[in-house]
Amino acid sequence: YSPENKEISVTFDTDPAYPPPNASQNRASVAEAWRYKRY
């Protein structure tokens, strides 16, 4: 929680969509897209 801007952010250790392991092998850039988002 940020008392200054009043936002509640959420951070994840892994992709919150939890795709199957084989789904991201050939789509590395797509699989890593979640890292560049703010939740």
Full PDB file with SEQRES, HELIX, SHEET, SSBOND, CRYST1, ORIGX, SCALE, CONECT and MASTER records, all heavy atoms in Angstrom:
SEQRES   1 A   39  TYR SER PRO GLU ASN LYS GLU ILE SER VAL THR PHE ASP          
SEQRES   2 A   39  THR ASP PRO ALA TYR PRO PRO PRO ASN ALA SER GLN ASN          
SEQRES   3 A   39  ARG ALA SER VAL ALA GLU ALA TRP ARG TYR LYS ARG TYR          
HELIX    1 AA1 PRO A   21  ALA A   23  5                                   3    
HELIX    2 AA2 ALA A   28  ALA A   31  1                                   4    
HELIX    3 AA3 ALA A   33  TYR A   36  5                                   4    
CRYST1    1.000    1.000    1.000  90.00  90.00  90.00 P 1           1          
ORIGX1      1.000000  0.000000  0.000000        0.00000                         
ORIGX2      0.000000  1.000000  0.000000        0.00000                         
ORIGX3      0.000000  0.000000  1.000000        0.00000                         
SCALE1      1.000000  0.000000  0.000000        0.00000                         
SCALE2      0.000000  1.000000  0.000000        0.00000                         
SCALE3      0.000000  0.000000  1.000000        0.00000                         
ATOM      1  N   TYR A   1       0.849  -1.198   0.000  1.00  0.00           N  
ATOM      2  CA  TYR A   1       0.000   0.000   0.000  1.00  0.00           C  
ATOM      3  C   TYR A   1       0.880   1.241   0.000  1.00  0.00           C  
ATOM      4  O   TYR A   1       1.861   1.328   0.747  1.00  0.00           O  
ATOM      5  CB  TYR A   1      -0.908   0.013   1.228  1.00  0.00           C  
ATOM      6  CG  TYR A   1      -1.790   1.243   1.323  1.00  0.00           C  
ATOM      7  CD1 TYR A   1      -2.734   1.514   0.337  1.00  0.00           C  
ATOM      8  CD2 TYR A   1      -1.678   2.121   2.396  1.00  0.00           C  
ATOM      9  CE1 TYR A   1      -3.549   2.640   0.423  1.00  0.00           C  
ATOM     10  CE2 TYR A   1      -2.489   3.245   2.485  1.00  0.00           C  
ATOM     11  CZ  TYR A   1      -3.420   3.494   1.493  1.00  0.00           C  
ATOM     12  OH  TYR A   1      -4.217   4.610   1.582  1.00  0.00           O  
ATOM     13  N   SER A   2       0.524   2.197  -0.841  1.00  0.00           N  
ATOM     14  CA  SER A   2       1.235   3.474  -0.878  1.00  0.00           C  
ATOM     15  C   SER A   2       0.342   4.543  -0.260  1.00  0.00           C  
ATOM     16  O   SER A   2      -0.639   4.964  -0.897  1.00  0.00           O  
ATOM     17  CB  SER A   2       1.591   3.865  -2.314  1.00  0.00           C  
ATOM     18  OG  SER A   2       2.094   5.192  -2.357  1.00  0.00           O  
ATOM     19  N   PRO A   3       0.630   4.989   0.961  1.00  0.00           N  
ATOM     20  CA  PRO A   3      -0.183   6.055   1.573  1.00  0.00           C  
ATOM     21  C   PRO A   3      -0.132   7.350   0.782  1.00  0.00           C  
ATOM     22  O   PRO A   3      -1.040   8.175   0.888  1.00  0.00           O  
ATOM     23  CB  PRO A   3       0.451   6.226   2.961  1.00  0.00           C  
ATOM     24  CG  PRO A   3       1.178   4.943   3.229  1.00  0.00           C  
ATOM     25  CD  PRO A   3       1.680   4.498   1.882  1.00  0.00           C  
ATOM     26  N   GLU A   4       0.902   7.539  -0.030  1.00  0.00           N  
ATOM     27  CA  GLU A   4       1.036   8.778  -0.791  1.00  0.00           C  
ATOM     28  C   GLU A   4       0.061   8.827  -1.966  1.00  0.00           C  
ATOM     29  O   GLU A   4      -0.693   9.784  -2.114  1.00  0.00           O  
ATOM     30  CB  GLU A   4       2.477   8.936  -1.312  1.00  0.00           C  
ATOM     31  CG  GLU A   4       3.501   9.216  -0.235  1.00  0.00           C  
ATOM     32  CD  GLU A   4       3.856   7.981   0.584  1.00  0.00           C  
ATOM     33  OE1 GLU A   4       3.700   6.842   0.053  1.00  0.00           O  
ATOM     34  OE2 GLU A   4       4.252   8.139   1.753  1.00  0.00           O  
ATOM     35  N   ASN A   5       0.065   7.789  -2.801  1.00  0.00           N  
ATOM     36  CA  ASN A   5      -0.843   7.826  -3.965  1.00  0.00           C  
ATOM     37  C   ASN A   5      -2.086   6.967  -3.784  1.00  0.00           C  
ATOM     38  O   ASN A   5      -2.910   6.851  -4.693  1.00  0.00           O  
ATOM     39  CB  ASN A   5      -0.110   7.422  -5.239  1.00  0.00           C  
ATOM     40  CG  ASN A   5       0.432   6.009  -5.193  1.00  0.00           C  
ATOM     41  OD1 ASN A   5      -0.070   5.143  -4.484  1.00  0.00           O  
ATOM     42  ND2 ASN A   5       1.477   5.757  -5.967  1.00  0.00           N  
ATOM     43  N   LYS A   6      -2.219   6.315  -2.608  1.00  0.00           N  
ATOM     44  CA  LYS A   6      -3.432   5.553  -2.245  1.00  0.00           C  
ATOM     45  C   LYS A   6      -3.656   4.315  -3.110  1.00  0.00           C  
ATOM     46  O   LYS A   6      -4.772   3.807  -3.191  1.00  0.00           O  
ATOM     47  CB  LYS A   6      -4.684   6.453  -2.326  1.00  0.00           C  
ATOM     48  CG  LYS A   6      -4.624   7.723  -1.505  1.00  0.00           C  
ATOM     49  CD  LYS A   6      -4.574   7.435  -0.027  1.00  0.00           C  
ATOM     50  CE  LYS A   6      -4.628   8.706   0.806  1.00  0.00           C  
ATOM     51  NZ  LYS A   6      -4.525   8.445   2.262  1.00  0.00           N  
ATOM     52  N   GLU A   7      -2.615   3.808  -3.729  1.00  0.00           N  
ATOM     53  CA  GLU A   7      -2.764   2.609  -4.553  1.00  0.00           C  
ATOM     54  C   GLU A   7      -2.319   1.360  -3.787  1.00  0.00           C  
ATOM     55  O   GLU A   7      -1.407   1.413  -2.960  1.00  0.00           O  
ATOM     56  CB  GLU A   7      -1.942   2.739  -5.826  1.00  0.00           C  
ATOM     57  CG  GLU A   7      -2.474   3.766  -6.798  1.00  0.00           C  
ATOM     58  CD  GLU A   7      -1.628   3.877  -8.054  1.00  0.00           C  
ATOM     59  OE1 GLU A   7      -0.486   3.373  -8.070  1.00  0.00           O  
ATOM     60  OE2 GLU A   7      -2.110   4.483  -9.034  1.00  0.00           O  
ATOM     61  N   ILE A   8      -2.970   0.237  -4.100  1.00  0.00           N  
ATOM     62  CA  ILE A   8      -2.562  -1.058  -3.575  1.00  0.00           C  
ATOM     63  C   ILE A   8      -2.014  -1.864  -4.750  1.00  0.00           C  
ATOM     64  O   ILE A   8      -2.745  -2.207  -5.686  1.00  0.00           O  
ATOM     65  CB  ILE A   8      -3.726  -1.810  -2.912  1.00  0.00           C  
ATOM     66  CG1 ILE A   8      -4.217  -1.037  -1.678  1.00  0.00           C  
ATOM     67  CG2 ILE A   8      -3.293  -3.220  -2.507  1.00  0.00           C  
ATOM     68  CD1 ILE A   8      -5.409  -1.672  -0.993  1.00  0.00           C  
ATOM     69  N   SER A   9      -0.718  -2.130  -4.714  1.00  0.00           N  
ATOM     70  CA  SER A   9      -0.094  -2.899  -5.784  1.00  0.00           C  
ATOM     71  C   SER A   9       0.114  -4.337  -5.333  1.00  0.00           C  
ATOM     72  O   SER A   9       0.176  -4.638  -4.138  1.00  0.00           O  
ATOM     73  CB  SER A   9       1.237  -2.270  -6.196  1.00  0.00           C  
ATOM     74  OG  SER A   9       2.126  -2.194  -5.096  1.00  0.00           O  
ATOM     75  N   VAL A  10       0.213  -5.215  -6.304  1.00  0.00           N  
ATOM     76  CA  VAL A  10       0.370  -6.642  -6.050  1.00  0.00           C  
ATOM     77  C   VAL A  10       1.598  -7.113  -6.813  1.00  0.00           C  
ATOM     78  O   VAL A  10       1.756  -6.802  -8.000  1.00  0.00           O  
ATOM     79  CB  VAL A  10      -0.870  -7.430  -6.503  1.00  0.00           C  
ATOM     80  CG1 VAL A  10      -0.772  -8.880  -6.059  1.00  0.00           C  
ATOM     81  CG2 VAL A  10      -2.148  -6.801  -5.957  1.00  0.00           C  
ATOM     82  N   THR A  11       2.476  -7.829  -6.148  1.00  0.00           N  
ATOM     83  CA  THR A  11       3.657  -8.370  -6.814  1.00  0.00           C  
ATOM     84  C   THR A  11       3.608  -9.895  -6.765  1.00  0.00           C  
ATOM     85  O   THR A  11       3.142 -10.496  -5.803  1.00  0.00           O  
ATOM     86  CB  THR A  11       4.960  -7.873  -6.161  1.00  0.00           C  
ATOM     87  OG1 THR A  11       4.991  -8.281  -4.783  1.00  0.00           O  
ATOM     88  CG2 THR A  11       5.035  -6.356  -6.216  1.00  0.00           C  
ATOM     89  N   PHE A  12       4.109 -10.504  -7.844  1.00  0.00           N  
ATOM     90  CA  PHE A  12       4.090 -11.959  -7.986  1.00  0.00           C  
ATOM     91  C   PHE A  12       5.509 -12.474  -8.177  1.00  0.00           C  
ATOM     92  O   PHE A  12       6.341 -11.821  -8.811  1.00  0.00           O  
ATOM     93  CB  PHE A  12       3.244 -12.370  -9.196  1.00  0.00           C  
ATOM     94  CG  PHE A  12       1.803 -11.933  -9.131  1.00  0.00           C  
ATOM     95  CD1 PHE A  12       1.406 -10.713  -9.671  1.00  0.00           C  
ATOM     96  CD2 PHE A  12       0.847 -12.733  -8.538  1.00  0.00           C  
ATOM     97  CE1 PHE A  12       0.081 -10.303  -9.616  1.00  0.00           C  
ATOM     98  CE2 PHE A  12      -0.488 -12.334  -8.476  1.00  0.00           C  
ATOM     99  CZ  PHE A  12      -0.870 -11.118  -9.021  1.00  0.00           C  
ATOM    100  N   ASP A  13       5.774 -13.669  -7.668  1.00  0.00           N  
ATOM    101  CA  ASP A  13       7.063 -14.319  -7.897  1.00  0.00           C  
ATOM    102  C   ASP A  13       7.117 -14.959  -9.272  1.00  0.00           C  
ATOM    103  O   ASP A  13       8.196 -15.131  -9.848  1.00  0.00           O  
ATOM    104  CB  ASP A  13       7.321 -15.390  -6.833  1.00  0.00           C  
ATOM    105  CG  ASP A  13       7.678 -14.783  -5.494  1.00  0.00           C  
ATOM    106  OD1 ASP A  13       8.064 -13.600  -5.453  1.00  0.00           O  
ATOM    107  OD2 ASP A  13       7.563 -15.492  -4.471  1.00  0.00           O  
ATOM    108  N   THR A  14       5.943 -15.346  -9.781  1.00  0.00           N  
ATOM    109  CA  THR A  14       5.881 -16.011 -11.081  1.00  0.00           C  
ATOM    110  C   THR A  14       4.683 -15.457 -11.852  1.00  0.00           C  
ATOM    111  O   THR A  14       3.858 -14.717 -11.314  1.00  0.00           O  
ATOM    112  CB  THR A  14       5.714 -17.529 -10.926  1.00  0.00           C  
ATOM    113  OG1 THR A  14       4.558 -17.790 -10.105  1.00  0.00           O  
ATOM    114  CG2 THR A  14       6.932 -18.141 -10.259  1.00  0.00           C  
ATOM    115  N   ASP A  15       4.575 -15.821 -13.110  1.00  0.00           N  
ATOM    116  CA  ASP A  15       3.478 -15.382 -13.971  1.00  0.00           C  
ATOM    117  C   ASP A  15       2.140 -15.723 -13.303  1.00  0.00           C  
ATOM    118  O   ASP A  15       1.839 -16.895 -13.059  1.00  0.00           O  
ATOM    119  CB  ASP A  15       3.583 -16.094 -15.324  1.00  0.00           C  
ATOM    120  CG  ASP A  15       2.555 -15.596 -16.335  1.00  0.00           C  
ATOM    121  OD1 ASP A  15       1.609 -14.883 -15.935  1.00  0.00           O  
ATOM    122  OD2 ASP A  15       2.716 -15.922 -17.524  1.00  0.00           O  
ATOM    123  N   PRO A  16       1.306 -14.704 -12.986  1.00  0.00           N  
ATOM    124  CA  PRO A  16       0.032 -14.986 -12.307  1.00  0.00           C  
ATOM    125  C   PRO A  16      -0.963 -15.767 -13.149  1.00  0.00           C  
ATOM    126  O   PRO A  16      -1.970 -16.239 -12.629  1.00  0.00           O  
ATOM    127  CB  PRO A  16      -0.494 -13.584 -11.981  1.00  0.00           C  
ATOM    128  CG  PRO A  16       0.182 -12.672 -12.936  1.00  0.00           C  
ATOM    129  CD  PRO A  16       1.533 -13.269 -13.186  1.00  0.00           C  
ATOM    130  N   ALA A  17      -0.683 -15.935 -14.445  1.00  0.00           N  
ATOM    131  CA  ALA A  17      -1.553 -16.765 -15.287  1.00  0.00           C  
ATOM    132  C   ALA A  17      -1.206 -18.245 -15.143  1.00  0.00           C  
ATOM    133  O   ALA A  17      -2.003 -19.105 -15.521  1.00  0.00           O  
ATOM    134  CB  ALA A  17      -1.437 -16.347 -16.750  1.00  0.00           C  
ATOM    135  N   TYR A  18      -0.017 -18.558 -14.612  1.00  0.00           N  
ATOM    136  CA  TYR A  18       0.443 -19.925 -14.395  1.00  0.00           C  
ATOM    137  C   TYR A  18       0.240 -20.815 -15.628  1.00  0.00           C  
ATOM    138  O   TYR A  18      -0.486 -21.811 -15.581  1.00  0.00           O  
ATOM    139  CB  TYR A  18      -0.247 -20.546 -13.174  1.00  0.00           C  
ATOM    140  CG  TYR A  18      -0.040 -19.710 -11.941  1.00  0.00           C  
ATOM    141  CD1 TYR A  18      -1.073 -18.937 -11.420  1.00  0.00           C  
ATOM    142  CD2 TYR A  18       1.200 -19.657 -11.312  1.00  0.00           C  
ATOM    143  CE1 TYR A  18      -0.877 -18.129 -10.299  1.00  0.00           C  
ATOM    144  CE2 TYR A  18       1.406 -18.852 -10.199  1.00  0.00           C  
ATOM    145  CZ  TYR A  18       0.373 -18.103  -9.699  1.00  0.00           C  
ATOM    146  OH  TYR A  18       0.564 -17.303  -8.598  1.00  0.00           O  
ATOM    147  N   PRO A  19       0.880 -20.423 -16.755  1.00  0.00           N  
ATOM    148  CA  PRO A  19       0.731 -21.245 -17.966  1.00  0.00           C  
ATOM    149  C   PRO A  19       1.469 -22.572 -17.808  1.00  0.00           C  
ATOM    150  O   PRO A  19       2.418 -22.688 -17.024  1.00  0.00           O  
ATOM    151  CB  PRO A  19       1.404 -20.382 -19.040  1.00  0.00           C  
ATOM    152  CG  PRO A  19       2.420 -19.570 -18.287  1.00  0.00           C  
ATOM    153  CD  PRO A  19       1.786 -19.289 -16.950  1.00  0.00           C  
ATOM    154  N   PRO A  20       1.041 -23.612 -18.535  1.00  0.00           N  
ATOM    155  CA  PRO A  20       1.755 -24.898 -18.478  1.00  0.00           C  
ATOM    156  C   PRO A  20       3.204 -24.699 -18.930  1.00  0.00           C  
ATOM    157  O   PRO A  20       3.492 -23.832 -19.758  1.00  0.00           O  
ATOM    158  CB  PRO A  20       0.973 -25.777 -19.468  1.00  0.00           C  
ATOM    159  CG  PRO A  20      -0.374 -25.126 -19.577  1.00  0.00           C  
ATOM    160  CD  PRO A  20      -0.142 -23.661 -19.401  1.00  0.00           C  
ATOM    161  N   PRO A  21       4.136 -25.494 -18.416  1.00  0.00           N  
ATOM    162  CA  PRO A  21       5.547 -25.315 -18.757  1.00  0.00           C  
ATOM    163  C   PRO A  21       5.829 -25.349 -20.247  1.00  0.00           C  
ATOM    164  O   PRO A  21       6.620 -24.560 -20.755  1.00  0.00           O  
ATOM    165  CB  PRO A  21       6.229 -26.496 -18.045  1.00  0.00           C  
ATOM    166  CG  PRO A  21       5.308 -26.841 -16.925  1.00  0.00           C  
ATOM    167  CD  PRO A  21       3.920 -26.571 -17.438  1.00  0.00           C  
ATOM    168  N   ASN A  22       5.165 -26.258 -20.991  1.00  0.00           N  
ATOM    169  CA  ASN A  22       5.441 -26.385 -22.422  1.00  0.00           C  
ATOM    170  C   ASN A  22       4.805 -25.278 -23.240  1.00  0.00           C  
ATOM    171  O   ASN A  22       5.091 -25.128 -24.417  1.00  0.00           O  
ATOM    172  CB  ASN A  22       4.981 -27.749 -22.943  1.00  0.00           C  
ATOM    173  CG  ASN A  22       3.490 -27.972 -22.709  1.00  0.00           C  
ATOM    174  OD1 ASN A  22       2.826 -27.141 -22.105  1.00  0.00           O  
ATOM    175  ND2 ASN A  22       2.983 -29.099 -23.184  1.00  0.00           N  
ATOM    176  N   ALA A  23       3.929 -24.490 -22.634  1.00  0.00           N  
ATOM    177  CA  ALA A  23       3.246 -23.443 -23.396  1.00  0.00           C  
ATOM    178  C   ALA A  23       4.141 -22.254 -23.666  1.00  0.00           C  
ATOM    179  O   ALA A  23       3.886 -21.476 -24.571  1.00  0.00           O  
ATOM    180  CB  ALA A  23       2.003 -22.985 -22.640  1.00  0.00           C  
ATOM    181  N   SER A  24       5.196 -22.085 -22.887  1.00  0.00           N  
ATOM    182  CA  SER A  24       6.033 -20.896 -23.026  1.00  0.00           C  
ATOM    183  C   SER A  24       7.406 -21.185 -23.621  1.00  0.00           C  
ATOM    184  O   SER A  24       8.210 -20.285 -23.768  1.00  0.00           O  
ATOM    185  CB  SER A  24       6.207 -20.231 -21.656  1.00  0.00           C  
ATOM    186  OG  SER A  24       6.817 -21.118 -20.750  1.00  0.00           O  
ATOM    187  N   GLN A  25       7.694 -22.439 -23.985  1.00  0.00           N  
ATOM    188  CA  GLN A  25       9.027 -22.777 -24.463  1.00  0.00           C  
ATOM    189  C   GLN A  25       9.394 -22.050 -25.742  1.00  0.00           C  
ATOM    190  O   GLN A  25      10.541 -21.633 -25.918  1.00  0.00           O  
ATOM    191  CB  GLN A  25       9.138 -24.290 -24.677  1.00  0.00           C  
ATOM    192  CG  GLN A  25       9.127 -25.072 -23.353  1.00  0.00           C  
ATOM    193  CD  GLN A  25       9.163 -26.566 -23.581  1.00  0.00           C  
ATOM    194  OE1 GLN A  25       9.094 -27.032 -24.713  1.00  0.00           O  
ATOM    195  NE2 GLN A  25       9.264 -27.331 -22.507  1.00  0.00           N  
ATOM    196  N   ASN A  26       8.441 -21.877 -26.641  1.00  0.00           N  
ATOM    197  CA  ASN A  26       8.725 -21.225 -27.913  1.00  0.00           C  
ATOM    198  C   ASN A  26       8.191 -19.795 -27.967  1.00  0.00           C  
ATOM    199  O   ASN A  26       8.142 -19.195 -29.034  1.00  0.00           O  
ATOM    200  CB  ASN A  26       8.107 -22.043 -29.070  1.00  0.00           C  
ATOM    201  CG  ASN A  26       8.694 -23.437 -29.139  1.00  0.00           C  
ATOM    202  OD1 ASN A  26       9.888 -23.623 -28.925  1.00  0.00           O  
ATOM    203  ND2 ASN A  26       7.844 -24.416 -29.452  1.00  0.00           N  
ATOM    204  N   ARG A  27       7.792 -19.281 -26.820  1.00  0.00           N  
ATOM    205  CA  ARG A  27       7.231 -17.925 -26.790  1.00  0.00           C  
ATOM    206  C   ARG A  27       7.816 -17.194 -25.585  1.00  0.00           C  
ATOM    207  O   ARG A  27       7.112 -16.707 -24.719  1.00  0.00           O  
ATOM    208  CB  ARG A  27       5.710 -17.985 -26.705  1.00  0.00           C  
ATOM    209  CG  ARG A  27       5.056 -18.760 -27.841  1.00  0.00           C  
ATOM    210  CD  ARG A  27       3.554 -18.850 -27.636  1.00  0.00           C  
ATOM    211  NE  ARG A  27       2.939 -17.542 -27.609  1.00  0.00           N  
ATOM    212  CZ  ARG A  27       1.671 -17.319 -27.238  1.00  0.00           C  
ATOM    213  NH1 ARG A  27       0.936 -18.334 -26.843  1.00  0.00           N  
ATOM    214  NH2 ARG A  27       1.172 -16.107 -27.235  1.00  0.00           N  
ATOM    215  N   ALA A  28       9.129 -17.108 -25.538  1.00  0.00           N  
ATOM    216  CA  ALA A  28       9.816 -16.545 -24.373  1.00  0.00           C  
ATOM    217  C   ALA A  28       9.410 -15.101 -24.122  1.00  0.00           C  
ATOM    218  O   ALA A  28       9.168 -14.700 -22.984  1.00  0.00           O  
ATOM    219  CB  ALA A  28      11.324 -16.640 -24.568  1.00  0.00           C  
ATOM    220  N   SER A  29       9.327 -14.297 -25.191  1.00  0.00           N  
ATOM    221  CA  SER A  29       9.009 -12.882 -25.003  1.00  0.00           C  
ATOM    222  C   SER A  29       7.597 -12.703 -24.467  1.00  0.00           C  
ATOM    223  O   SER A  29       7.350 -11.844 -23.612  1.00  0.00           O  
ATOM    224  CB  SER A  29       9.161 -12.125 -26.330  1.00  0.00           C  
ATOM    225  OG  SER A  29       8.283 -12.658 -27.316  1.00  0.00           O  
ATOM    226  N   VAL A  30       6.653 -13.519 -24.957  1.00  0.00           N  
ATOM    227  CA  VAL A  30       5.277 -13.448 -24.473  1.00  0.00           C  
ATOM    228  C   VAL A  30       5.208 -13.934 -23.031  1.00  0.00           C  
ATOM    229  O   VAL A  30       4.516 -13.365 -22.182  1.00  0.00           O  
ATOM    230  CB  VAL A  30       4.339 -14.276 -25.373  1.00  0.00           C  
ATOM    231  CG1 VAL A  30       2.930 -14.297 -24.803  1.00  0.00           C  
ATOM    232  CG2 VAL A  30       4.338 -13.718 -26.787  1.00  0.00           C  
ATOM    233  N   ALA A  31       5.945 -15.015 -22.752  1.00  0.00           N  
ATOM    234  CA  ALA A  31       5.906 -15.595 -21.420  1.00  0.00           C  
ATOM    235  C   ALA A  31       6.463 -14.646 -20.366  1.00  0.00           C  
ATOM    236  O   ALA A  31       6.073 -14.708 -19.204  1.00  0.00           O  
ATOM    237  CB  ALA A  31       6.693 -16.904 -21.397  1.00  0.00           C  
ATOM    238  N   GLU A  32       7.367 -13.763 -20.762  1.00  0.00           N  
ATOM    239  CA  GLU A  32       7.980 -12.831 -19.815  1.00  0.00           C  
ATOM    240  C   GLU A  32       7.253 -11.500 -19.749  1.00  0.00           C  
ATOM    241  O   GLU A  32       7.662 -10.616 -18.997  1.00  0.00           O  
ATOM    242  CB  GLU A  32       9.439 -12.602 -20.195  1.00  0.00           C  
ATOM    243  CG  GLU A  32      10.319 -13.837 -20.051  1.00  0.00           C  
ATOM    244  CD  GLU A  32      10.380 -14.311 -18.605  1.00  0.00           C  
ATOM    245  OE1 GLU A  32      10.706 -13.503 -17.723  1.00  0.00           O  
ATOM    246  OE2 GLU A  32      10.090 -15.509 -18.365  1.00  0.00           O  
ATOM    247  N   ALA A  33       6.174 -11.325 -20.522  1.00  0.00           N  
ATOM    248  CA  ALA A  33       5.486 -10.031 -20.590  1.00  0.00           C  
ATOM    249  C   ALA A  33       4.940  -9.598 -19.239  1.00  0.00           C  
ATOM    250  O   ALA A  33       4.866  -8.408 -18.947  1.00  0.00           O  
ATOM    251  CB  ALA A  33       4.364 -10.097 -21.623  1.00  0.00           C  
ATOM    252  N   TRP A  34       4.573 -10.557 -18.404  1.00  0.00           N  
ATOM    253  CA  TRP A  34       3.987 -10.217 -17.102  1.00  0.00           C  
ATOM    254  C   TRP A  34       4.970  -9.449 -16.225  1.00  0.00           C  
ATOM    255  O   TRP A  34       4.551  -8.657 -15.363  1.00  0.00           O  
ATOM    256  CB  TRP A  34       3.534 -11.484 -16.371  1.00  0.00           C  
ATOM    257  CG  TRP A  34       4.659 -12.360 -15.912  1.00  0.00           C  
ATOM    258  CD1 TRP A  34       5.298 -13.325 -16.635  1.00  0.00           C  
ATOM    259  CD2 TRP A  34       5.275 -12.365 -14.626  1.00  0.00           C  
ATOM    260  NE1 TRP A  34       6.274 -13.932 -15.892  1.00  0.00           N  
ATOM    261  CE2 TRP A  34       6.284 -13.356 -14.647  1.00  0.00           C  
ATOM    262  CE3 TRP A  34       5.068 -11.645 -13.454  1.00  0.00           C  
ATOM    263  CZ2 TRP A  34       7.084 -13.635 -13.540  1.00  0.00           C  
ATOM    264  CZ3 TRP A  34       5.865 -11.922 -12.352  1.00  0.00           C  
ATOM    265  CH2 TRP A  34       6.859 -12.888 -12.399  1.00  0.00           C  
ATOM    266  N   ARG A  35       6.260  -9.628 -16.448  1.00  0.00           N  
ATOM    267  CA  ARG A  35       7.265  -8.959 -15.623  1.00  0.00           C  
ATOM    268  C   ARG A  35       7.279  -7.452 -15.844  1.00  0.00           C  
ATOM    269  O   ARG A  35       7.772  -6.694 -14.997  1.00  0.00           O  
ATOM    270  CB  ARG A  35       8.650  -9.531 -15.906  1.00  0.00           C  
ATOM    271  CG  ARG A  35       8.805 -11.007 -15.549  1.00  0.00           C  
ATOM    272  CD  ARG A  35      10.240 -11.451 -15.743  1.00  0.00           C  
ATOM    273  NE  ARG A  35      10.418 -12.866 -15.480  1.00  0.00           N  
ATOM    274  CZ  ARG A  35      10.607 -13.380 -14.263  1.00  0.00           C  
ATOM    275  NH1 ARG A  35      10.641 -12.593 -13.206  1.00  0.00           N  
ATOM    276  NH2 ARG A  35      10.754 -14.689 -14.104  1.00  0.00           N  
ATOM    277  N   TYR A  36       6.792  -7.002 -16.983  1.00  0.00           N  
ATOM    278  CA  TYR A  36       6.850  -5.586 -17.325  1.00  0.00           C  
ATOM    279  C   TYR A  36       5.556  -4.850 -17.011  1.00  0.00           C  
ATOM    280  O   TYR A  36       5.370  -3.711 -17.418  1.00  0.00           O  
ATOM    281  CB  TYR A  36       7.212  -5.437 -18.811  1.00  0.00           C  
ATOM    282  CG  TYR A  36       8.498  -6.142 -19.152  1.00  0.00           C  
ATOM    283  CD1 TYR A  36       8.480  -7.404 -19.743  1.00  0.00           C  
ATOM    284  CD2 TYR A  36       9.729  -5.573 -18.839  1.00  0.00           C  
ATOM    285  CE1 TYR A  36       9.658  -8.069 -20.042  1.00  0.00           C  
ATOM    286  CE2 TYR A  36      10.914  -6.231 -19.132  1.00  0.00           C  
ATOM    287  CZ  TYR A  36      10.871  -7.479 -19.729  1.00  0.00           C  
ATOM    288  OH  TYR A  36      12.038  -8.135 -20.005  1.00  0.00           O  
ATOM    289  N   LYS A  37       4.674  -5.522 -16.303  1.00  0.00           N  
ATOM    290  CA  LYS A  37       3.407  -4.901 -15.910  1.00  0.00           C  
ATOM    291  C   LYS A  37       3.431  -4.528 -14.439  1.00  0.00           C  
ATOM    292  O   LYS A  37       4.135  -5.135 -13.639  1.00  0.00           O  
ATOM    293  CB  LYS A  37       2.232  -5.853 -16.162  1.00  0.00           C  
ATOM    294  CG  LYS A  37       1.977  -6.170 -17.624  1.00  0.00           C  
ATOM    295  CD  LYS A  37       0.793  -7.114 -17.766  1.00  0.00           C  
ATOM    296  CE  LYS A  37       0.512  -7.445 -19.223  1.00  0.00           C  
ATOM    297  NZ  LYS A  37      -0.649  -8.364 -19.354  1.00  0.00           N  
ATOM    298  N   ARG A  38       2.646  -3.510 -14.107  1.00  0.00           N  
ATOM    299  CA  ARG A  38       2.350  -3.193 -12.707  1.00  0.00           C  
ATOM    300  C   ARG A  38       0.959  -3.732 -12.420  1.00  0.00           C  
ATOM    301  O   ARG A  38       0.041  -3.557 -13.217  1.00  0.00           O  
ATOM    302  CB  ARG A  38       2.384  -1.679 -12.465  1.00  0.00           C  
ATOM    303  CG  ARG A  38       3.745  -1.054 -12.649  1.00  0.00           C  
ATOM    304  CD  ARG A  38       3.705   0.448 -12.378  1.00  0.00           C  
ATOM    305  NE  ARG A  38       2.848   1.131 -13.331  1.00  0.00           N  
ATOM    306  CZ  ARG A  38       1.768   1.839 -13.017  1.00  0.00           C  
ATOM    307  NH1 ARG A  38       1.379   1.937 -11.742  1.00  0.00           N  
ATOM    308  NH2 ARG A  38       1.057   2.426 -13.943  1.00  0.00           N  
ATOM    309  N   TYR A  39       0.806  -4.390 -11.294  1.00  0.00           N  
ATOM    310  CA  TYR A  39      -0.491  -4.985 -10.952  1.00  0.00           C  
ATOM    311  C   TYR A  39      -1.123  -4.156  -9.828  1.00  0.00           C  
ATOM    312  O   TYR A  39      -0.549  -4.014  -8.749  1.00  0.00           O  
ATOM    313  CB  TYR A  39      -0.324  -6.437 -10.539  1.00  0.00           C  
ATOM    314  CG  TYR A  39       0.096  -7.315 -11.698  1.00  0.00           C  
ATOM    315  CD1 TYR A  39       1.449  -7.523 -11.982  1.00  0.00           C  
ATOM    316  CD2 TYR A  39      -0.850  -7.907 -12.528  1.00  0.00           C  
ATOM    317  CE1 TYR A  39       1.835  -8.313 -13.055  1.00  0.00           C  
ATOM    318  CE2 TYR A  39      -0.474  -8.702 -13.599  1.00  0.00           C  
ATOM    319  CZ  TYR A  39       0.875  -8.891 -13.856  1.00  0.00           C  
ATOM    320  OH  TYR A  39       1.244  -9.666 -14.928  1.00  0.00           O  
TER     321      TYR A  39                                                      
MASTER        0    0    0    3    0    0    0    6  320    1    0    3          
END                                                                             
